Amino acid sequence: MTAQDADRVAGEPQAPAAQVVIDANLVYCPAPIPEDQRVILGHGSGGQLSNVLMRDVLAPALAVAAPGGVLNDAAVITVGGSRLAFTTDSFVVSPIRFPGGDIGELAVNGTLNDLAMMGAQPVALSLAYVIEEGLTLEELRAVTASAAIAAAKAGAQIVTGDTKVVGRGNADRLFVNTAGIGLVPAGVHPSADRAAPGDVVILSGPIGLHGVAIMSVREGLEFEVEIQSDTQALNGLVAAIVAVEPDVHVLRDPTRGGLSSALNEIAAASRVGMVLEEGALPIPGPVRAACEFLGLDPLHVANEGKLVAIVPAASAGRVLDAMRATREGAEAVAIGTVVADHPGMVTVRTIVGSERIVDMLVGEQLPRIC
């Protein structure tokens, strides 16, 4: 570059990285280029970017040490003749206390539920903290008490743990890591790749409560009715399901990415399609109103106390009755069917008879949700 060129560049306004170009008839706006060199918040969404992170970065790096296969909520291994489910999870929810729960209760319930989605009943959990300097001891005591109560309620023991403290500004008050093991009954083999055409898709209750509860506190929003998180352990509900149908094909809790991500993952793993009925989807009025106000899709909003069960059509009635007899599944409802058409795709039949695609969340609708 010559000195004259440098002077010209320095003296002229530079074009922005993305421009909107308008002519008499059209508006052009370049699509954003996905970030492929650094982690962004969207990689934690539980949606498409999370899948990309696992597929393109983590799985190849772990290939030497990690077995292949379907990615479920927990791994099932055989030890001494017993089938054990094993899982680990980390929780970074902000704020750490929210309507209906706190990070301690959420961490325990989330780990118990990952075990339960493999049909397991919990045996033991670990509980580890990364604590930011300045967190009050009273808050730490309260969160730990919540975790203990949640574990005892579900019949699990917290048997080990760890604490680390980092300086101010190096965390966000408190991060929690958990791991859990549980026993899987004989003959129970739920997996994301076992959905089959003709199966019935059952949802255990209303969706969207956890995500909207977190957002209401974080953004200072007030609704006519307080919306509380649905965080709860689901191992009792799963026990009721497998008691009447040991051959439940799939169990999945629709947490990050909501119901849409959970069902799309199952459809892809099983190479099947799904058709949901819009009129059957249990979306509470306050959640629907909040999502309309905020421009969100309720099917993308996180849940922390609901599950999807995909079961053979012949046993769907018995499973629904068993679920509705429990507190956690009292509002269970069949929401759709598994089909052979459009494998890997989930659609919803609207109340006016049309059909639309229910896609997986691309980026991050609401970060730090769990």
Protein backbone atom coordinates (compact mmCIF):
# COMPACT_ATOMS: atom_id res chain seq x y z
CA MET A 1 0.00 0.00 0.00
CA THR A 2 1.38 3.42 -0.95
CA ALA A 3 1.35 6.42 1.34
CA GLN A 4 -1.33 7.93 -0.87
CA ASP A 5 -3.40 4.76 -0.53
CA ALA A 6 -3.03 4.85 3.24
CA ASP A 7 -4.08 8.48 3.38
CA ARG A 8 -7.08 7.74 1.18
CA VAL A 9 -8.18 4.76 3.31
CA ALA A 10 -7.67 6.67 6.53
CA GLY A 11 -9.69 9.57 5.26
CA GLU A 12 -12.62 7.62 3.90
CA PRO A 13 -15.41 5.97 5.88
CA GLN A 14 -15.06 2.18 5.90
CA ALA A 15 -17.92 -0.17 5.00
CA PRO A 16 -19.30 -2.09 7.95
CA ALA A 17 -18.90 -5.86 8.12
CA ALA A 18 -22.57 -6.35 7.20
CA GLN A 19 -24.50 -3.83 5.14
CA VAL A 20 -28.15 -3.51 4.30
CA VAL A 21 -28.43 -2.53 0.65
CA ILE A 22 -31.70 -1.00 -0.47
CA ASP A 23 -32.88 -0.40 -4.03
CA ALA A 24 -36.26 0.58 -5.32
CA ASN A 25 -37.74 -2.88 -4.92
CA LEU A 26 -35.56 -5.05 -2.70
CA VAL A 27 -33.78 -5.09 0.63
CA TYR A 28 -30.65 -7.23 0.88
CA CYS A 29 -29.21 -8.22 4.25
CA PRO A 30 -26.39 -10.77 4.28
CA ALA A 31 -27.05 -13.80 6.48
CA PRO A 32 -24.74 -13.96 9.51
CA ILE A 33 -21.80 -16.32 9.16
CA PRO A 34 -21.88 -18.97 11.91
CA GLU A 35 -18.94 -18.83 14.31
CA ASP A 36 -16.76 -21.88 13.72
CA GLN A 37 -13.56 -20.94 15.57
CA ARG A 38 -14.78 -19.99 19.05
CA VAL A 39 -17.44 -21.10 21.49
CA ILE A 40 -20.49 -18.83 21.63
CA LEU A 41 -23.53 -18.93 23.93
CA GLY A 42 -25.52 -20.70 21.25
CA HIS A 43 -23.31 -23.77 21.64
CA GLY A 44 -25.00 -24.27 25.02
CA SER A 45 -28.54 -24.08 23.67
CA GLY A 46 -29.26 -27.79 23.44
CA GLY A 47 -30.15 -27.18 19.78
CA GLN A 48 -28.36 -27.31 16.45
CA LEU A 49 -25.18 -25.55 17.59
CA SER A 50 -24.85 -27.90 20.58
CA ASN A 51 -25.05 -30.84 18.18
CA VAL A 52 -22.38 -29.26 16.00
CA LEU A 53 -20.12 -28.80 19.03
CA MET A 54 -20.47 -32.44 19.96
CA ARG A 55 -20.23 -33.83 16.43
CA ASP A 56 -17.38 -31.72 15.08
CA VAL A 57 -15.27 -30.91 18.15
CA LEU A 58 -15.84 -33.09 21.20
CA ALA A 59 -16.68 -36.50 19.72
CA PRO A 60 -13.65 -36.61 17.38
CA ALA A 61 -11.34 -35.53 20.22
CA LEU A 62 -12.76 -38.25 22.49
CA ALA A 63 -12.78 -40.98 19.85
CA VAL A 64 -9.82 -42.88 21.33
CA ALA A 65 -11.36 -43.10 24.81
CA ALA A 66 -15.11 -42.92 24.21
CA PRO A 67 -17.32 -45.69 22.81
CA GLY A 68 -19.48 -44.81 19.84
CA GLY A 69 -23.22 -45.17 19.69
CA VAL A 70 -26.37 -43.21 20.36
CA LEU A 71 -26.10 -40.18 22.65
CA ASN A 72 -28.65 -40.69 25.42
CA ASP A 73 -29.16 -38.80 28.68
CA ALA A 74 -26.95 -41.34 30.49
CA ALA A 75 -24.72 -44.28 29.67
CA VAL A 76 -25.72 -47.81 30.66
CA ILE A 77 -22.91 -50.18 31.61
CA THR A 78 -22.90 -53.69 33.08
CA VAL A 79 -20.94 -54.16 36.30
CA GLY A 80 -20.96 -57.46 38.19
CA GLY A 81 -24.11 -58.57 36.43
CA SER A 82 -26.01 -55.34 37.23
CA ARG A 83 -26.93 -52.71 34.68
CA LEU A 84 -25.89 -49.27 35.91
CA ALA A 85 -26.85 -45.93 34.42
CA PHE A 86 -24.17 -43.26 34.82
CA THR A 87 -24.41 -39.55 34.05
CA THR A 88 -22.77 -36.23 34.81
CA ASP A 89 -24.01 -32.67 34.42
CA SER A 90 -23.10 -29.08 35.21
CA PHE A 91 -25.43 -26.26 36.19
CA VAL A 92 -24.81 -22.56 35.63
CA VAL A 93 -28.34 -21.17 35.94
CA SER A 94 -28.67 -17.44 36.52
CA PRO A 95 -30.06 -16.38 38.94
CA ILE A 96 -29.23 -19.17 41.37
CA ARG A 97 -32.63 -18.76 43.08
CA PHE A 98 -35.79 -18.52 40.97
CA PRO A 99 -39.55 -19.02 41.37
CA GLY A 100 -40.05 -22.66 42.26
CA GLY A 101 -36.48 -23.65 43.08
CA ASP A 102 -32.77 -22.94 43.20
CA ILE A 103 -29.56 -24.23 41.62
CA GLY A 104 -29.07 -26.95 44.26
CA GLU A 105 -32.48 -28.53 43.81
CA LEU A 106 -32.22 -28.10 40.03
CA ALA A 107 -28.83 -29.83 39.90
CA VAL A 108 -30.03 -32.87 41.83
CA ASN A 109 -33.32 -33.17 39.95
CA GLY A 110 -31.61 -32.74 36.59
CA THR A 111 -29.14 -35.52 37.36
CA LEU A 112 -31.82 -37.84 38.72
CA ASN A 113 -33.87 -37.25 35.58
CA ASP A 114 -30.98 -38.10 33.25
CA LEU A 115 -30.72 -41.44 35.05
CA ALA A 116 -34.47 -41.93 34.94
CA MET A 117 -34.55 -41.42 31.16
CA MET A 118 -32.63 -44.70 30.91
CA GLY A 119 -35.26 -46.38 33.10
CA ALA A 120 -32.99 -46.28 36.16
CA GLN A 121 -33.77 -45.71 39.81
CA PRO A 122 -31.08 -43.61 41.53
CA VAL A 123 -28.50 -44.97 43.94
CA ALA A 124 -25.95 -42.23 44.58
CA LEU A 125 -24.96 -38.72 43.51
CA SER A 126 -21.93 -36.48 43.73
CA LEU A 127 -22.19 -32.74 44.34
CA ALA A 128 -19.34 -30.37 43.48
CA TYR A 129 -19.20 -26.57 43.66
CA VAL A 130 -17.21 -23.84 41.94
CA ILE A 131 -17.82 -20.88 44.25
CA GLU A 132 -17.07 -17.27 43.43
CA GLU A 133 -15.49 -15.27 46.21
CA GLY A 134 -18.18 -13.14 47.86
CA LEU A 135 -21.05 -15.63 47.83
CA THR A 136 -22.64 -15.49 51.27
CA LEU A 137 -22.41 -18.55 53.47
CA GLU A 138 -26.13 -18.35 54.07
CA GLU A 139 -26.82 -18.68 50.33
CA LEU A 140 -24.42 -21.60 50.07
CA ARG A 141 -26.04 -23.29 53.07
CA ALA A 142 -29.53 -22.80 51.62
CA VAL A 143 -28.61 -24.18 48.19
CA THR A 144 -26.95 -27.21 49.75
CA ALA A 145 -29.97 -27.87 51.94
CA SER A 146 -32.21 -27.75 48.86
CA ALA A 147 -29.98 -30.28 47.10
CA ALA A 148 -30.09 -32.61 50.11
CA ILE A 149 -33.88 -32.42 50.39
CA ALA A 150 -34.34 -33.12 46.68
CA ALA A 151 -32.04 -36.15 46.83
CA ALA A 152 -33.72 -37.60 49.93
CA LYS A 153 -37.17 -37.07 48.41
CA ALA A 154 -36.16 -39.17 45.40
CA GLY A 155 -34.52 -41.89 47.47
CA ALA A 156 -30.94 -41.05 46.46
CA GLN A 157 -27.85 -40.41 48.58
CA ILE A 158 -25.27 -37.67 48.04
CA VAL A 159 -22.11 -39.62 48.79
CA THR A 160 -19.21 -37.46 47.58
CA GLY A 161 -18.37 -33.98 46.39
CA ASP A 162 -15.84 -31.19 46.06
CA THR A 163 -15.50 -27.44 46.48
CA LYS A 164 -13.34 -24.97 44.61
CA VAL A 165 -13.26 -21.19 45.18
CA VAL A 166 -12.29 -18.68 42.45
CA GLY A 167 -11.72 -14.95 42.66
CA ARG A 168 -14.33 -12.27 42.19
CA GLY A 169 -15.28 -11.93 38.55
CA ASN A 170 -14.00 -15.40 37.60
CA ALA A 171 -17.38 -17.14 37.92
CA ASP A 172 -20.98 -16.06 38.45
CA ARG A 173 -21.60 -16.71 42.15
CA LEU A 174 -21.97 -20.51 42.01
CA PHE A 175 -21.56 -23.29 39.47
CA VAL A 176 -22.59 -26.85 40.36
CA ASN A 177 -21.38 -30.14 38.91
CA THR A 178 -23.08 -33.45 39.63
CA ALA A 179 -22.73 -37.10 38.69
CA GLY A 180 -25.09 -39.94 39.41
CA ILE A 181 -25.46 -43.69 39.20
CA GLY A 182 -28.66 -45.72 39.16
CA LEU A 183 -29.86 -49.30 38.66
CA VAL A 184 -31.70 -50.21 35.46
CA PRO A 185 -34.32 -52.98 35.86
CA ALA A 186 -34.03 -56.09 33.74
CA GLY A 187 -35.86 -55.86 30.43
CA VAL A 188 -35.90 -52.05 30.36
CA HIS A 189 -33.98 -50.54 27.42
CA PRO A 190 -35.22 -47.06 26.47
CA SER A 191 -33.00 -45.33 23.92
CA ALA A 192 -33.27 -42.42 21.50
CA ASP A 193 -32.87 -44.78 18.53
CA ARG A 194 -35.82 -47.06 19.39
CA ALA A 195 -38.80 -44.99 18.25
CA ALA A 196 -40.76 -46.96 15.62
CA PRO A 197 -43.55 -46.07 13.19
CA GLY A 198 -46.92 -46.43 14.90
CA ASP A 199 -45.60 -45.52 18.35
CA VAL A 200 -47.46 -42.92 20.41
CA VAL A 201 -45.71 -39.81 21.73
CA ILE A 202 -46.79 -38.96 25.30
CA LEU A 203 -45.89 -35.81 27.22
CA SER A 204 -46.11 -35.86 31.01
CA GLY A 205 -47.54 -32.35 31.45
CA PRO A 206 -47.49 -28.63 30.59
CA ILE A 207 -44.36 -27.24 28.96
CA GLY A 208 -42.42 -23.97 29.09
CA LEU A 209 -42.71 -23.27 32.81
CA HIS A 210 -39.02 -23.40 33.76
CA GLY A 211 -37.76 -21.21 30.94
CA VAL A 212 -40.39 -18.54 31.44
CA ALA A 213 -39.88 -18.57 35.23
CA ILE A 214 -36.14 -17.93 34.78
CA MET A 215 -36.74 -15.21 32.24
CA SER A 216 -39.32 -13.45 34.40
CA VAL A 217 -36.79 -13.03 37.21
CA ARG A 218 -33.81 -12.27 35.01
CA GLU A 219 -35.58 -9.63 32.96
CA GLY A 220 -37.75 -8.22 35.76
CA LEU A 221 -40.97 -9.20 34.05
CA GLU A 222 -44.24 -9.44 35.93
CA PHE A 223 -47.22 -11.51 34.87
CA GLU A 224 -50.74 -11.64 36.28
CA VAL A 225 -50.02 -15.16 37.56
CA GLU A 226 -46.59 -16.08 38.94
CA ILE A 227 -44.99 -18.71 36.75
CA GLN A 228 -42.87 -21.20 38.70
CA SER A 229 -40.24 -23.63 37.50
CA ASP A 230 -41.43 -27.22 37.13
CA THR A 231 -38.17 -28.65 38.51
CA GLN A 232 -38.86 -32.08 40.04
CA ALA A 233 -37.46 -35.60 40.03
CA LEU A 234 -39.12 -37.99 37.60
CA ASN A 235 -37.82 -41.38 38.74
CA GLY A 236 -41.14 -42.19 40.45
CA LEU A 237 -43.02 -41.41 37.25
CA VAL A 238 -40.64 -43.59 35.25
CA ALA A 239 -41.15 -46.45 37.72
CA ALA A 240 -44.89 -46.20 37.09
CA ILE A 241 -44.35 -46.29 33.32
CA VAL A 242 -42.04 -49.33 33.24
CA ALA A 243 -44.32 -51.19 35.64
CA VAL A 244 -47.00 -51.32 32.93
CA GLU A 245 -44.72 -51.23 29.87
CA PRO A 246 -41.15 -52.44 30.45
CA ASP A 247 -40.56 -52.12 26.70
CA VAL A 248 -40.97 -48.34 26.67
CA HIS A 249 -39.07 -47.37 23.52
CA VAL A 250 -37.85 -43.87 24.39
CA LEU A 251 -37.75 -41.64 27.46
CA ARG A 252 -36.39 -38.12 27.21
CA ASP A 253 -36.67 -34.97 29.36
CA PRO A 254 -37.02 -31.88 27.14
CA THR A 255 -34.67 -29.50 28.96
CA ARG A 256 -32.38 -27.16 26.96
CA GLY A 257 -33.87 -26.56 23.53
CA GLY A 258 -37.31 -27.57 24.78
CA LEU A 259 -39.68 -30.13 23.32
CA SER A 260 -38.66 -29.38 19.73
CA SER A 261 -34.99 -30.26 20.27
CA ALA A 262 -35.80 -33.42 22.21
CA LEU A 263 -38.15 -34.75 19.54
CA ASN A 264 -35.85 -33.80 16.65
CA GLU A 265 -32.95 -35.63 18.31
CA ILE A 266 -35.09 -38.73 18.72
CA ALA A 267 -36.38 -38.55 15.13
CA ALA A 268 -32.83 -38.27 13.80
CA ALA A 269 -31.47 -41.09 15.98
CA SER A 270 -34.37 -43.44 15.13
CA ARG A 271 -34.60 -42.38 11.45
CA VAL A 272 -38.33 -41.80 11.74
CA GLY A 273 -40.71 -38.89 11.42
CA MET A 274 -43.16 -37.54 13.96
CA VAL A 275 -46.49 -35.78 13.60
CA LEU A 276 -47.76 -33.78 16.57
CA GLU A 277 -51.27 -32.45 17.10
CA GLU A 278 -51.24 -28.73 17.87
CA GLY A 279 -54.49 -28.91 19.79
CA ALA A 280 -53.04 -31.55 22.12
CA LEU A 281 -49.91 -29.64 23.12
CA PRO A 282 -50.26 -28.61 26.80
CA ILE A 283 -49.04 -25.01 26.81
CA PRO A 284 -50.30 -23.11 29.88
CA GLY A 285 -52.06 -19.83 29.16
CA PRO A 286 -49.52 -17.68 31.05
CA VAL A 287 -46.63 -19.38 29.23
CA ARG A 288 -48.30 -18.88 25.86
CA ALA A 289 -48.95 -15.21 26.65
CA ALA A 290 -45.38 -14.64 27.85
CA CYS A 291 -43.95 -16.31 24.75
CA GLU A 292 -46.15 -14.23 22.44
CA PHE A 293 -45.06 -11.06 24.25
CA LEU A 294 -41.37 -12.02 24.05
CA GLY A 295 -41.46 -13.48 20.55
CA LEU A 296 -40.56 -17.00 21.69
CA ASP A 297 -41.79 -20.41 20.55
CA PRO A 298 -43.06 -22.42 23.56
CA LEU A 299 -41.74 -25.58 21.91
CA HIS A 300 -38.20 -24.18 22.25
CA VAL A 301 -38.52 -23.19 25.91
CA ALA A 302 -36.70 -25.32 28.51
CA ASN A 303 -38.43 -27.62 30.99
CA GLU A 304 -36.96 -29.25 34.09
CA GLY A 305 -39.71 -31.56 35.31
CA LYS A 306 -41.34 -33.09 32.25
CA LEU A 307 -40.65 -36.14 30.13
CA VAL A 308 -41.54 -37.52 26.73
CA ALA A 309 -42.39 -41.22 26.58
CA ILE A 310 -42.60 -42.97 23.21
CA VAL A 311 -44.39 -46.29 23.55
CA PRO A 312 -46.03 -48.93 21.36
CA ALA A 313 -49.58 -47.99 20.42
CA ALA A 314 -50.97 -51.12 22.07
CA SER A 315 -49.76 -50.01 25.50
CA ALA A 316 -50.31 -46.24 25.18
CA GLY A 317 -53.59 -46.29 27.09
CA ARG A 318 -52.11 -48.24 30.00
CA VAL A 319 -49.08 -45.95 30.13
CA LEU A 320 -51.27 -42.85 30.16
CA ASP A 321 -53.39 -44.24 32.99
CA ALA A 322 -50.29 -45.12 35.02
CA MET A 323 -48.76 -41.68 34.47
CA ARG A 324 -51.95 -39.85 35.40
CA ALA A 325 -52.09 -41.78 38.67
CA THR A 326 -48.87 -40.05 39.80
CA ARG A 327 -48.37 -36.47 40.95
CA GLU A 328 -45.66 -35.85 38.33
CA GLY A 329 -47.74 -37.19 35.44
CA ALA A 330 -51.25 -36.14 36.47
CA GLU A 331 -51.62 -34.01 33.32
CA ALA A 332 -50.03 -36.47 30.89
CA VAL A 333 -51.39 -36.38 27.35
CA ALA A 334 -50.73 -38.07 24.01
CA ILE A 335 -49.45 -35.39 21.63
CA GLY A 336 -48.65 -37.26 18.42
CA THR A 337 -47.45 -40.35 16.61
CA VAL A 338 -44.28 -41.71 15.07
CA VAL A 339 -44.45 -42.17 11.30
CA ALA A 340 -42.26 -43.67 8.59
CA ASP A 341 -42.62 -40.57 6.42
CA HIS A 342 -40.09 -37.70 6.42
CA PRO A 343 -37.47 -39.46 8.61
CA GLY A 344 -35.55 -37.10 10.89
CA MET A 345 -38.29 -34.48 10.71
CA VAL A 346 -40.94 -33.44 13.23
CA THR A 347 -44.11 -31.72 12.06
CA VAL A 348 -47.20 -30.41 13.80
CA ARG A 349 -50.71 -30.58 12.40
CA THR A 350 -52.31 -27.22 13.17
CA ILE A 351 -55.85 -26.68 14.36
CA VAL A 352 -56.80 -25.48 10.86
CA GLY A 353 -55.52 -28.69 9.23
CA SER A 354 -52.22 -27.52 7.78
CA GLU A 355 -48.86 -29.01 8.71
CA ARG A 356 -45.68 -27.15 9.62
CA ILE A 357 -42.16 -28.23 10.45
CA VAL A 358 -41.05 -28.12 14.08
CA ASP A 359 -37.35 -27.45 13.76
CA MET A 360 -34.61 -27.67 16.34
CA LEU A 361 -33.52 -24.42 17.98
CA VAL A 362 -30.56 -22.97 16.09
CA GLY A 363 -28.92 -20.61 18.56
CA GLU A 364 -29.51 -19.57 22.15
CA GLN A 365 -33.02 -18.48 22.97
CA LEU A 366 -32.25 -18.00 26.64
CA PRO A 367 -28.74 -18.72 27.95
CA ARG A 368 -27.84 -20.01 31.41
CA ILE A 369 -31.16 -21.81 31.82
CA CYS A 370 -29.88 -24.81 33.77
